[in-house]
Amino acid sequence: DPIDMIRKARLADRKRSRLYYYFKTRAISPNNKLGPIDPASTKWREEV
């Protein structure tokens, strides 16, 4: 819910911001689709 409000209010960059949710990741925009995270290929350090 907070992210939904943040997305609608355009508080965060909707193209580059990300949600890491358990074993999946979801972009803030445009479609908010959940996708699997591959620990081996996820560039976590660079992302953060």
ModelCIF file with pLDDT and N, C-alpha, C, O atoms, coordinates in Angstrom:
data_MODEL
#
_entry.id   MODEL 
#
_entity.id                         1 
_entity.type                       polymer 
_entity.pdbx_number_of_molecules   1 
#
_entity_poly.entity_id                      1 
_entity_poly.type                           'polypeptide(L)' 
_entity_poly.nstd_linkage                   no 
_entity_poly.nstd_monomer                   no 
_entity_poly.pdbx_seq_one_letter_code       DPIDMIRKARLADRKRSRLYYYFKTRAISPNNKLGPIDPASTKWREEV 
_entity_poly.pdbx_seq_one_letter_code_can   DPIDMIRKARLADRKRSRLYYYFKTRAISPNNKLGPIDPASTKWREEV 
_entity_poly.pdbx_strand_id                 A 
#
loop_
_entity_poly_seq.entity_id 
_entity_poly_seq.num 
_entity_poly_seq.mon_id 
_entity_poly_seq.hetero 
1 1  ASP n 
1 2  PRO n 
1 3  ILE n 
1 4  ASP n 
1 5  MET n 
1 6  ILE n 
1 7  ARG n 
1 8  LYS n 
1 9  ALA n 
1 10 ARG n 
1 11 LEU n 
1 12 ALA n 
1 13 ASP n 
1 14 ARG n 
1 15 LYS n 
1 16 ARG n 
1 17 SER n 
1 18 ARG n 
1 19 LEU n 
1 20 TYR n 
1 21 TYR n 
1 22 TYR n 
1 23 PHE n 
1 24 LYS n 
1 25 THR n 
1 26 ARG n 
1 27 ALA n 
1 28 ILE n 
1 29 SER n 
1 30 PRO n 
1 31 ASN n 
1 32 ASN n 
1 33 LYS n 
1 34 LEU n 
1 35 GLY n 
1 36 PRO n 
1 37 ILE n 
1 38 ASP n 
1 39 PRO n 
1 40 ALA n 
1 41 SER n 
1 42 THR n 
1 43 LYS n 
1 44 TRP n 
1 45 ARG n 
1 46 GLU n 
1 47 GLU n 
1 48 VAL n 
#
_struct_asym.id          A 
_struct_asym.entity_id   1 
#
loop_
_ma_qa_metric.id 
_ma_qa_metric.mode 
_ma_qa_metric.name 
_ma_qa_metric.software_group_id 
_ma_qa_metric.type 
1 global pLDDT . pLDDT 
2 local  pLDDT . pLDDT 
#
_ma_qa_metric_global.metric_id      1 
_ma_qa_metric_global.metric_value   81.90 
_ma_qa_metric_global.model_id       1 
_ma_qa_metric_global.ordinal_id     1 
#
loop_
_ma_qa_metric_local.label_asym_id 
_ma_qa_metric_local.label_comp_id 
_ma_qa_metric_local.label_seq_id 
_ma_qa_metric_local.metric_id 
_ma_qa_metric_local.metric_value 
_ma_qa_metric_local.model_id 
_ma_qa_metric_local.ordinal_id 
A ASP 1  2 89.00 1 1  
A PRO 2  2 91.00 1 2  
A ILE 3  2 90.00 1 3  
A ASP 4  2 88.00 1 4  
A MET 5  2 89.00 1 5  
A ILE 6  2 91.00 1 6  
A ARG 7  2 88.00 1 7  
A LYS 8  2 87.00 1 8  
A ALA 9  2 89.00 1 9  
A ARG 10 2 89.00 1 10 
A LEU 11 2 93.00 1 11 
A ALA 12 2 93.00 1 12 
A ASP 13 2 91.00 1 13 
A ARG 14 2 86.00 1 14 
A LYS 15 2 86.00 1 15 
A ARG 16 2 88.00 1 16 
A SER 17 2 90.00 1 17 
A ARG 18 2 88.00 1 18 
A LEU 19 2 88.00 1 19 
A TYR 20 2 88.00 1 20 
A TYR 21 2 85.00 1 21 
A TYR 22 2 79.00 1 22 
A PHE 23 2 75.00 1 23 
A LYS 24 2 78.00 1 24 
A THR 25 2 79.00 1 25 
A ARG 26 2 75.00 1 26 
A ALA 27 2 71.00 1 27 
A ILE 28 2 70.00 1 28 
A SER 29 2 60.00 1 29 
A PRO 30 2 55.00 1 30 
A ASN 31 2 61.00 1 31 
A ASN 32 2 65.00 1 32 
A LYS 33 2 72.00 1 33 
A LEU 34 2 75.00 1 34 
A GLY 35 2 78.00 1 35 
A PRO 36 2 79.00 1 36 
A ILE 37 2 79.00 1 37 
A ASP 38 2 78.00 1 38 
A PRO 39 2 76.00 1 39 
A ALA 40 2 79.00 1 40 
A SER 41 2 79.00 1 41 
A THR 42 2 79.00 1 42 
A LYS 43 2 83.00 1 43 
A TRP 44 2 85.00 1 44 
A ARG 45 2 88.00 1 45 
A GLU 46 2 90.00 1 46 
A GLU 47 2 87.00 1 47 
A VAL 48 2 89.00 1 48 
#
loop_
_atom_site.group_PDB 
_atom_site.id 
_atom_site.type_symbol 
_atom_site.label_atom_id 
_atom_site.label_alt_id 
_atom_site.label_comp_id 
_atom_site.label_asym_id 
_atom_site.label_entity_id 
_atom_site.label_seq_id 
_atom_site.pdbx_PDB_ins_code 
_atom_site.Cartn_x 
_atom_site.Cartn_y 
_atom_site.Cartn_z 
_atom_site.occupancy 
_atom_site.B_iso_or_equiv 
_atom_site.pdbx_formal_charge 
_atom_site.auth_seq_id 
_atom_site.auth_comp_id 
_atom_site.auth_asym_id 
_atom_site.auth_atom_id 
_atom_site.pdbx_PDB_model_num 
ATOM 1   N N  . ASP A 1 1  ? 0.815  -1.216  0.000   1.00 89.00 ? 1  ASP A N  1 
ATOM 2   C CA . ASP A 1 1  ? 0.000  0.000   0.000   1.00 89.00 ? 1  ASP A CA 1 
ATOM 3   C C  . ASP A 1 1  ? 0.849  1.266   0.000   1.00 89.00 ? 1  ASP A C  1 
ATOM 4   O O  . ASP A 1 1  ? 0.567  2.169   -0.788  1.00 89.00 ? 1  ASP A O  1 
ATOM 5   N N  . PRO A 1 2  ? 1.891  1.379   0.858   1.00 91.00 ? 2  PRO A N  1 
ATOM 6   C CA . PRO A 1 2  ? 2.740  2.569   0.761   1.00 91.00 ? 2  PRO A CA 1 
ATOM 7   C C  . PRO A 1 2  ? 3.357  2.753   -0.614  1.00 91.00 ? 2  PRO A C  1 
ATOM 8   O O  . PRO A 1 2  ? 3.395  3.868   -1.134  1.00 91.00 ? 2  PRO A O  1 
ATOM 9   N N  . ILE A 1 3  ? 3.842  1.665   -1.209  1.00 90.00 ? 3  ILE A N  1 
ATOM 10  C CA . ILE A 1 3  ? 4.454  1.774   -2.531  1.00 90.00 ? 3  ILE A CA 1 
ATOM 11  C C  . ILE A 1 3  ? 3.424  2.170   -3.575  1.00 90.00 ? 3  ILE A C  1 
ATOM 12  O O  . ILE A 1 3  ? 3.726  2.949   -4.479  1.00 90.00 ? 3  ILE A O  1 
ATOM 13  N N  . ASP A 1 4  ? 2.210  1.642   -3.460  1.00 88.00 ? 4  ASP A N  1 
ATOM 14  C CA . ASP A 1 4  ? 1.158  2.023   -4.402  1.00 88.00 ? 4  ASP A CA 1 
ATOM 15  C C  . ASP A 1 4  ? 0.894  3.516   -4.330  1.00 88.00 ? 4  ASP A C  1 
ATOM 16  O O  . ASP A 1 4  ? 0.727  4.165   -5.363  1.00 88.00 ? 4  ASP A O  1 
ATOM 17  N N  . MET A 1 5  ? 0.853  4.070   -3.121  1.00 89.00 ? 5  MET A N  1 
ATOM 18  C CA . MET A 1 5  ? 0.637  5.501   -2.961  1.00 89.00 ? 5  MET A CA 1 
ATOM 19  C C  . MET A 1 5  ? 1.841  6.298   -3.463  1.00 89.00 ? 5  MET A C  1 
ATOM 20  O O  . MET A 1 5  ? 1.676  7.356   -4.071  1.00 89.00 ? 5  MET A O  1 
ATOM 21  N N  . ILE A 1 6  ? 3.053  5.791   -3.210  1.00 91.00 ? 6  ILE A N  1 
ATOM 22  C CA . ILE A 1 6  ? 4.268  6.444   -3.690  1.00 91.00 ? 6  ILE A CA 1 
ATOM 23  C C  . ILE A 1 6  ? 4.304  6.459   -5.209  1.00 91.00 ? 6  ILE A C  1 
ATOM 24  O O  . ILE A 1 6  ? 4.702  7.451   -5.820  1.00 91.00 ? 6  ILE A O  1 
ATOM 25  N N  . ARG A 1 7  ? 3.884  5.347   -5.820  1.00 88.00 ? 7  ARG A N  1 
ATOM 26  C CA . ARG A 1 7  ? 3.864  5.258   -7.284  1.00 88.00 ? 7  ARG A CA 1 
ATOM 27  C C  . ARG A 1 7  ? 2.865  6.243   -7.875  1.00 88.00 ? 7  ARG A C  1 
ATOM 28  O O  . ARG A 1 7  ? 3.176  6.957   -8.829  1.00 88.00 ? 7  ARG A O  1 
ATOM 29  N N  . LYS A 1 8  ? 1.657  6.278   -7.302  1.00 87.00 ? 8  LYS A N  1 
ATOM 30  C CA . LYS A 1 8  ? 0.628  7.174   -7.822  1.00 87.00 ? 8  LYS A CA 1 
ATOM 31  C C  . LYS A 1 8  ? 1.017  8.641   -7.654  1.00 87.00 ? 8  LYS A C  1 
ATOM 32  O O  . LYS A 1 8  ? 0.723  9.476   -8.509  1.00 87.00 ? 8  LYS A O  1 
ATOM 33  N N  . ALA A 1 9  ? 1.683  8.938   -6.539  1.00 89.00 ? 9  ALA A N  1 
ATOM 34  C CA . ALA A 1 9  ? 2.081  10.319  -6.269  1.00 89.00 ? 9  ALA A CA 1 
ATOM 35  C C  . ALA A 1 9  ? 3.379  10.709  -6.976  1.00 89.00 ? 9  ALA A C  1 
ATOM 36  O O  . ALA A 1 9  ? 3.805  11.862  -6.926  1.00 89.00 ? 9  ALA A O  1 
ATOM 37  N N  . ARG A 1 10 ? 4.003  9.723   -7.639  1.00 89.00 ? 10 ARG A N  1 
ATOM 38  C CA . ARG A 1 10 ? 5.252  9.955   -8.371  1.00 89.00 ? 10 ARG A CA 1 
ATOM 39  C C  . ARG A 1 10 ? 6.360  10.493  -7.461  1.00 89.00 ? 10 ARG A C  1 
ATOM 40  O O  . ARG A 1 10 ? 7.129  11.369  -7.856  1.00 89.00 ? 10 ARG A O  1 
ATOM 41  N N  . LEU A 1 11 ? 6.430  9.963   -6.254  1.00 93.00 ? 11 LEU A N  1 
ATOM 42  C CA . LEU A 1 11 ? 7.466  10.391  -5.318  1.00 93.00 ? 11 LEU A CA 1 
ATOM 43  C C  . LEU A 1 11 ? 8.817  9.787   -5.655  1.00 93.00 ? 11 LEU A C  1 
ATOM 44  O O  . LEU A 1 11 ? 9.854  10.420  -5.456  1.00 93.00 ? 11 LEU A O  1 
ATOM 45  N N  . ALA A 1 12 ? 8.805  8.552   -6.171  1.00 93.00 ? 12 ALA A N  1 
ATOM 46  C CA . ALA A 1 12 ? 10.043 7.869   -6.529  1.00 93.00 ? 12 ALA A CA 1 
ATOM 47  C C  . ALA A 1 12 ? 10.085 7.654   -8.038  1.00 93.00 ? 12 ALA A C  1 
ATOM 48  O O  . ALA A 1 12 ? 9.053  7.642   -8.708  1.00 93.00 ? 12 ALA A O  1 
ATOM 49  N N  . ASP A 1 13 ? 11.291 7.486   -8.553  1.00 91.00 ? 13 ASP A N  1 
ATOM 50  C CA . ASP A 1 13 ? 11.478 7.235   -9.979  1.00 91.00 ? 13 ASP A CA 1 
ATOM 51  C C  . ASP A 1 13 ? 10.821 5.907   -10.342 1.00 91.00 ? 13 ASP A C  1 
ATOM 52  O O  . ASP A 1 13 ? 11.280 4.846   -9.918  1.00 91.00 ? 13 ASP A O  1 
ATOM 53  N N  . ARG A 1 14 ? 9.759  5.966   -11.116 1.00 86.00 ? 14 ARG A N  1 
ATOM 54  C CA . ARG A 1 14 ? 8.966  4.767   -11.373 1.00 86.00 ? 14 ARG A CA 1 
ATOM 55  C C  . ARG A 1 14 ? 9.632  3.805   -12.349 1.00 86.00 ? 14 ARG A C  1 
ATOM 56  O O  . ARG A 1 14 ? 9.253  2.635   -12.404 1.00 86.00 ? 14 ARG A O  1 
ATOM 57  N N  . LYS A 1 15 ? 10.601 4.261   -13.111 1.00 86.00 ? 15 LYS A N  1 
ATOM 58  C CA . LYS A 1 15 ? 11.273 3.380   -14.051 1.00 86.00 ? 15 LYS A CA 1 
ATOM 59  C C  . LYS A 1 15 ? 12.467 2.668   -13.420 1.00 86.00 ? 15 LYS A C  1 
ATOM 60  O O  . LYS A 1 15 ? 12.797 1.549   -13.814 1.00 86.00 ? 15 LYS A O  1 
ATOM 61  N N  . ARG A 1 16 ? 13.110 3.295   -12.457 1.00 88.00 ? 16 ARG A N  1 
ATOM 62  C CA . ARG A 1 16 ? 14.338 2.726   -11.896 1.00 88.00 ? 16 ARG A CA 1 
ATOM 63  C C  . ARG A 1 16 ? 14.172 2.149   -10.495 1.00 88.00 ? 16 ARG A C  1 
ATOM 64  O O  . ARG A 1 16 ? 14.987 1.330   -10.071 1.00 88.00 ? 16 ARG A O  1 
ATOM 65  N N  . SER A 1 17 ? 13.136 2.558   -9.770  1.00 90.00 ? 17 SER A N  1 
ATOM 66  C CA . SER A 1 17 ? 12.933 2.038   -8.411  1.00 90.00 ? 17 SER A CA 1 
ATOM 67  C C  . SER A 1 17 ? 12.468 0.590   -8.470  1.00 90.00 ? 17 SER A C  1 
ATOM 68  O O  . SER A 1 17 ? 11.820 0.176   -9.432  1.00 90.00 ? 17 SER A O  1 
ATOM 69  N N  . ARG A 1 18 ? 12.801 -0.172  -7.440  1.00 88.00 ? 18 ARG A N  1 
ATOM 70  C CA . ARG A 1 18 ? 12.479 -1.594  -7.413  1.00 88.00 ? 18 ARG A CA 1 
ATOM 71  C C  . ARG A 1 18 ? 11.994 -2.010  -6.031  1.00 88.00 ? 18 ARG A C  1 
ATOM 72  O O  . ARG A 1 18 ? 12.373 -1.431  -5.013  1.00 88.00 ? 18 ARG A O  1 
ATOM 73  N N  . LEU A 1 19 ? 11.146 -3.029  -6.029  1.00 88.00 ? 19 LEU A N  1 
ATOM 74  C CA . LEU A 1 19 ? 10.739 -3.673  -4.786  1.00 88.00 ? 19 LEU A CA 1 
ATOM 75  C C  . LEU A 1 19 ? 11.307 -5.078  -4.773  1.00 88.00 ? 19 LEU A C  1 
ATOM 76  O O  . LEU A 1 19 ? 11.052 -5.860  -5.689  1.00 88.00 ? 19 LEU A O  1 
ATOM 77  N N  . TYR A 1 20 ? 12.074 -5.407  -3.743  1.00 88.00 ? 20 TYR A N  1 
ATOM 78  C CA . TYR A 1 20 ? 12.546 -6.772  -3.543  1.00 88.00 ? 20 TYR A CA 1 
ATOM 79  C C  . TYR A 1 20 ? 11.650 -7.388  -2.481  1.00 88.00 ? 20 TYR A C  1 
ATOM 80  O O  . TYR A 1 20 ? 11.656 -6.984  -1.318  1.00 88.00 ? 20 TYR A O  1 
ATOM 81  N N  . TYR A 1 21 ? 10.884 -8.373  -2.916  1.00 85.00 ? 21 TYR A N  1 
ATOM 82  C CA . TYR A 1 21 ? 9.850  -8.966  -2.058  1.00 85.00 ? 21 TYR A CA 1 
ATOM 83  C C  . TYR A 1 21 ? 10.081 -10.468 -1.951  1.00 85.00 ? 21 TYR A C  1 
ATOM 84  O O  . TYR A 1 21 ? 9.838  -11.211 -2.902  1.00 85.00 ? 21 TYR A O  1 
ATOM 85  N N  . TYR A 1 22 ? 10.547 -10.904 -0.795  1.00 79.00 ? 22 TYR A N  1 
ATOM 86  C CA . TYR A 1 22 ? 10.850 -12.315 -0.570  1.00 79.00 ? 22 TYR A CA 1 
ATOM 87  C C  . TYR A 1 22 ? 11.724 -12.861 -1.697  1.00 79.00 ? 22 TYR A C  1 
ATOM 88  O O  . TYR A 1 22 ? 12.842 -12.381 -1.885  1.00 79.00 ? 22 TYR A O  1 
ATOM 89  N N  . PHE A 1 23 ? 11.247 -13.846 -2.450  1.00 75.00 ? 23 PHE A N  1 
ATOM 90  C CA . PHE A 1 23 ? 12.069 -14.428 -3.506  1.00 75.00 ? 23 PHE A CA 1 
ATOM 91  C C  . PHE A 1 23 ? 11.706 -13.890 -4.879  1.00 75.00 ? 23 PHE A C  1 
ATOM 92  O O  . PHE A 1 23 ? 12.028 -14.489 -5.905  1.00 75.00 ? 23 PHE A O  1 
ATOM 93  N N  . LYS A 1 24 ? 11.032 -12.753 -4.879  1.00 78.00 ? 24 LYS A N  1 
ATOM 94  C CA . LYS A 1 24 ? 10.641 -12.144 -6.149  1.00 78.00 ? 24 LYS A CA 1 
ATOM 95  C C  . LYS A 1 24 ? 10.976 -10.664 -6.119  1.00 78.00 ? 24 LYS A C  1 
ATOM 96  O O  . LYS A 1 24 ? 11.232 -10.097 -5.056  1.00 78.00 ? 24 LYS A O  1 
ATOM 97  N N  . THR A 1 25 ? 10.972 -10.045 -7.284  1.00 79.00 ? 25 THR A N  1 
ATOM 98  C CA . THR A 1 25 ? 11.202 -8.609  -7.369  1.00 79.00 ? 25 THR A CA 1 
ATOM 99  C C  . THR A 1 25 ? 10.091 -8.002  -8.205  1.00 79.00 ? 25 THR A C  1 
ATOM 100 O O  . THR A 1 25 ? 9.537  -8.655  -9.089  1.00 79.00 ? 25 THR A O  1 
ATOM 101 N N  . ARG A 1 26 ? 9.773  -6.762  -7.923  1.00 75.00 ? 26 ARG A N  1 
ATOM 102 C CA . ARG A 1 26 ? 8.716  -6.111  -8.682  1.00 75.00 ? 26 ARG A CA 1 
ATOM 103 C C  . ARG A 1 26 ? 9.102  -4.671  -8.964  1.00 75.00 ? 26 ARG A C  1 
ATOM 104 O O  . ARG A 1 26 ? 9.510  -3.943  -8.060  1.00 75.00 ? 26 ARG A O  1 
ATOM 105 N N  . ALA A 1 27 ? 8.974  -4.265  -10.208 1.00 71.00 ? 27 ALA A N  1 
ATOM 106 C CA . ALA A 1 27 ? 9.239  -2.882  -10.559 1.00 71.00 ? 27 ALA A CA 1 
ATOM 107 C C  . ALA A 1 27 ? 8.081  -2.016  -10.078 1.00 71.00 ? 27 ALA A C  1 
ATOM 108 O O  . ALA A 1 27 ? 6.948  -2.487  -9.977  1.00 71.00 ? 27 ALA A O  1 
ATOM 109 N N  . ILE A 1 28 ? 8.363  -0.761  -9.785  1.00 70.00 ? 28 ILE A N  1 
ATOM 110 C CA . ILE A 1 28 ? 7.314  0.159   -9.365  1.00 70.00 ? 28 ILE A CA 1 
ATOM 111 C C  . ILE A 1 28 ? 6.373  0.452   -10.527 1.00 70.00 ? 28 ILE A C  1 
ATOM 112 O O  . ILE A 1 28 ? 5.170  0.624   -10.333 1.00 70.00 ? 28 ILE A O  1 
ATOM 113 N N  . SER A 1 29 ? 6.925  0.506   -11.725 1.00 60.00 ? 29 SER A N  1 
ATOM 114 C CA . SER A 1 29 ? 6.134  0.833   -12.905 1.00 60.00 ? 29 SER A CA 1 
ATOM 115 C C  . SER A 1 29 ? 6.813  0.182   -14.108 1.00 60.00 ? 29 SER A C  1 
ATOM 116 O O  . SER A 1 29 ? 7.999  -0.138  -14.019 1.00 60.00 ? 29 SER A O  1 
ATOM 117 N N  . PRO A 1 30 ? 6.126  -0.027  -15.217 1.00 55.00 ? 30 PRO A N  1 
ATOM 118 C CA . PRO A 1 30 ? 4.748  0.389   -15.495 1.00 55.00 ? 30 PRO A CA 1 
ATOM 119 C C  . PRO A 1 30 ? 3.679  -0.637  -15.139 1.00 55.00 ? 30 PRO A C  1 
ATOM 120 O O  . PRO A 1 30 ? 2.513  -0.274  -14.982 1.00 55.00 ? 30 PRO A O  1 
ATOM 121 N N  . ASN A 1 31 ? 4.054  -1.927  -15.006 1.00 61.00 ? 31 ASN A N  1 
ATOM 122 C CA . ASN A 1 31 ? 3.000  -2.932  -14.837 1.00 61.00 ? 31 ASN A CA 1 
ATOM 123 C C  . ASN A 1 31 ? 3.044  -3.647  -13.489 1.00 61.00 ? 31 ASN A C  1 
ATOM 124 O O  . ASN A 1 31 ? 2.173  -4.466  -13.198 1.00 61.00 ? 31 ASN A O  1 
ATOM 125 N N  . ASN A 1 32 ? 4.053  -3.346  -12.657 1.00 65.00 ? 32 ASN A N  1 
ATOM 126 C CA . ASN A 1 32 ? 4.160  -3.928  -11.317 1.00 65.00 ? 32 ASN A CA 1 
ATOM 127 C C  . ASN A 1 32 ? 4.180  -5.453  -11.304 1.00 65.00 ? 32 ASN A C  1 
ATOM 128 O O  . ASN A 1 32 ? 3.769  -6.062  -10.316 1.00 65.00 ? 32 ASN A O  1 
ATOM 129 N N  . LYS A 1 33 ? 4.648  -6.080  -12.376 1.00 72.00 ? 33 LYS A N  1 
ATOM 130 C CA . LYS A 1 33 ? 4.671  -7.534  -12.428 1.00 72.00 ? 33 LYS A CA 1 
ATOM 131 C C  . LYS A 1 33 ? 5.778  -8.099  -11.540 1.00 72.00 ? 33 LYS A C  1 
ATOM 132 O O  . LYS A 1 33 ? 6.893  -7.579  -11.488 1.00 72.00 ? 33 LYS A O  1 
ATOM 133 N N  . LEU A 1 34 ? 5.432  -9.177  -10.849 1.00 75.00 ? 34 LEU A N  1 
ATOM 134 C CA . LEU A 1 34 ? 6.415  -9.865  -10.024 1.00 75.00 ? 34 LEU A CA 1 
ATOM 135 C C  . LEU A 1 34 ? 7.254  -10.782 -10.895 1.00 75.00 ? 34 LEU A C  1 
ATOM 136 O O  . LEU A 1 34 ? 6.742  -11.418 -11.816 1.00 75.00 ? 34 LEU A O  1 
ATOM 137 N N  . GLY A 1 35 ? 8.535  -10.847 -10.603 1.00 78.00 ? 35 GLY A N  1 
ATOM 138 C CA . GLY A 1 35 ? 9.405  -11.724 -11.359 1.00 78.00 ? 35 GLY A CA 1 
ATOM 139 C C  . GLY A 1 35 ? 10.407 -12.377 -10.435 1.00 78.00 ? 35 GLY A C  1 
ATOM 140 O O  . GLY A 1 35 ? 10.729 -11.808 -9.391  1.00 78.00 ? 35 GLY A O  1 
ATOM 141 N N  . PRO A 1 36 ? 10.916 -13.554 -10.780 1.00 79.00 ? 36 PRO A N  1 
ATOM 142 C CA . PRO A 1 36 ? 11.864 -14.252 -9.909  1.00 79.00 ? 36 PRO A CA 1 
ATOM 143 C C  . PRO A 1 36 ? 13.209 -13.542 -9.837  1.00 79.00 ? 36 PRO A C  1 
ATOM 144 O O  . PRO A 1 36 ? 13.620 -12.858 -10.774 1.00 79.00 ? 36 PRO A O  1 
ATOM 145 N N  . ILE A 1 37 ? 13.887 -13.719 -8.706  1.00 79.00 ? 37 ILE A N  1 
ATOM 146 C CA . ILE A 1 37 ? 15.224 -13.172 -8.511  1.00 79.00 ? 37 ILE A CA 1 
ATOM 147 C C  . ILE A 1 37 ? 16.238 -14.301 -8.662  1.00 79.00 ? 37 ILE A C  1 
ATOM 148 O O  . ILE A 1 37 ? 16.098 -15.354 -8.040  1.00 79.00 ? 37 ILE A O  1 
ATOM 149 N N  . ASP A 1 38 ? 17.235 -14.086 -9.470  1.00 78.00 ? 38 ASP A N  1 
ATOM 150 C CA . ASP A 1 38 ? 18.327 -15.042 -9.616  1.00 78.00 ? 38 ASP A CA 1 
ATOM 151 C C  . ASP A 1 38 ? 19.514 -14.507 -8.812  1.00 78.00 ? 38 ASP A C  1 
ATOM 152 O O  . ASP A 1 38 ? 20.179 -13.566 -9.245  1.00 78.00 ? 38 ASP A O  1 
ATOM 153 N N  . PRO A 1 39 ? 19.783 -15.097 -7.650  1.00 76.00 ? 39 PRO A N  1 
ATOM 154 C CA . PRO A 1 39 ? 20.873 -14.583 -6.800  1.00 76.00 ? 39 PRO A CA 1 
ATOM 155 C C  . PRO A 1 39 ? 22.211 -14.506 -7.523  1.00 76.00 ? 39 PRO A C  1 
ATOM 156 O O  . PRO A 1 39 ? 23.030 -13.634 -7.234  1.00 76.00 ? 39 PRO A O  1 
ATOM 157 N N  . ALA A 1 40 ? 22.427 -15.418 -8.459  1.00 79.00 ? 40 ALA A N  1 
ATOM 158 C CA . ALA A 1 40 ? 23.719 -15.456 -9.145  1.00 79.00 ? 40 ALA A CA 1 
ATOM 159 C C  . ALA A 1 40 ? 23.901 -14.282 -10.103 1.00 79.00 ? 40 ALA A C  1 
ATOM 160 O O  . ALA A 1 40 ? 25.020 -13.817 -10.317 1.00 79.00 ? 40 ALA A O  1 
ATOM 161 N N  . SER A 1 41 ? 22.807 -13.811 -10.671 1.00 79.00 ? 41 SER A N  1 
ATOM 162 C CA . SER A 1 41 ? 22.922 -12.746 -11.665 1.00 79.00 ? 41 SER A CA 1 
ATOM 163 C C  . SER A 1 41 ? 22.476 -11.379 -11.154 1.00 79.00 ? 41 SER A C  1 
ATOM 164 O O  . SER A 1 41 ? 22.705 -10.369 -11.819 1.00 79.00 ? 41 SER A O  1 
ATOM 165 N N  . THR A 1 42 ? 21.843 -11.332 -9.984  1.00 79.00 ? 42 THR A N  1 
ATOM 166 C CA . THR A 1 42 ? 21.384 -10.057 -9.442  1.00 79.00 ? 42 THR A CA 1 
ATOM 167 C C  . THR A 1 42 ? 22.574 -9.243  -8.943  1.00 79.00 ? 42 THR A C  1 
ATOM 168 O O  . THR A 1 42 ? 23.326 -9.692  -8.079  1.00 79.00 ? 42 THR A O  1 
ATOM 169 N N  . LYS A 1 43 ? 22.733 -8.069  -9.482  1.00 83.00 ? 43 LYS A N  1 
ATOM 170 C CA . LYS A 1 43 ? 23.842 -7.194  -9.098  1.00 83.00 ? 43 LYS A CA 1 
ATOM 171 C C  . LYS A 1 43 ? 23.387 -6.337  -7.918  1.00 83.00 ? 43 LYS A C  1 
ATOM 172 O O  . LYS A 1 43 ? 23.126 -5.141  -8.051  1.00 83.00 ? 43 LYS A O  1 
ATOM 173 N N  . TRP A 1 44 ? 23.303 -6.990  -6.765  1.00 85.00 ? 44 TRP A N  1 
ATOM 174 C CA . TRP A 1 44 ? 22.739 -6.341  -5.585  1.00 85.00 ? 44 TRP A CA 1 
ATOM 175 C C  . TRP A 1 44 ? 23.577 -5.139  -5.144  1.00 85.00 ? 44 TRP A C  1 
ATOM 176 O O  . TRP A 1 44 ? 23.026 -4.081  -4.839  1.00 85.00 ? 44 TRP A O  1 
ATOM 177 N N  . ARG A 1 45 ? 24.876 -5.291  -5.111  1.00 88.00 ? 45 ARG A N  1 
ATOM 178 C CA . ARG A 1 45 ? 25.745 -4.214  -4.672  1.00 88.00 ? 45 ARG A CA 1 
ATOM 179 C C  . ARG A 1 45 ? 25.586 -2.989  -5.568  1.00 88.00 ? 45 ARG A C  1 
ATOM 180 O O  . ARG A 1 45 ? 25.451 -1.865  -5.085  1.00 88.00 ? 45 ARG A O  1 
ATOM 181 N N  . GLU A 1 46 ? 25.604 -3.226  -6.894  1.00 90.00 ? 46 GLU A N  1 
ATOM 182 C CA . GLU A 1 46 ? 25.450 -2.114  -7.827  1.00 90.00 ? 46 GLU A CA 1 
ATOM 183 C C  . GLU A 1 46 ? 24.068 -1.484  -7.713  1.00 90.00 ? 46 GLU A C  1 
ATOM 184 O O  . GLU A 1 46 ? 23.911 -0.270  -7.844  1.00 90.00 ? 46 GLU A O  1 
ATOM 185 N N  . GLU A 1 47 ? 23.067 -2.331  -7.468  1.00 87.00 ? 47 GLU A N  1 
ATOM 186 C CA . GLU A 1 47 ? 21.689 -1.844  -7.348  1.00 87.00 ? 47 GLU A CA 1 
ATOM 187 C C  . GLU A 1 47 ? 21.560 -0.908  -6.151  1.00 87.00 ? 47 GLU A C  1 
ATOM 188 O O  . GLU A 1 47 ? 20.986 0.176   -6.253  1.00 87.00 ? 47 GLU A O  1 
ATOM 189 N N  . VAL A 1 48 ? 22.102 -1.341  -5.023  1.00 89.00 ? 48 VAL A N  1 
ATOM 190 C CA . VAL A 1 48 ? 21.994 -0.546  -3.804  1.00 89.00 ? 48 VAL A CA 1 
ATOM 191 C C  . VAL A 1 48 ? 22.820 0.727   -3.887  1.00 89.00 ? 48 VAL A C  1 
ATOM 192 O O  . VAL A 1 48 ? 22.840 1.513   -2.939  1.00 89.00 ? 48 VAL A O  1 
#
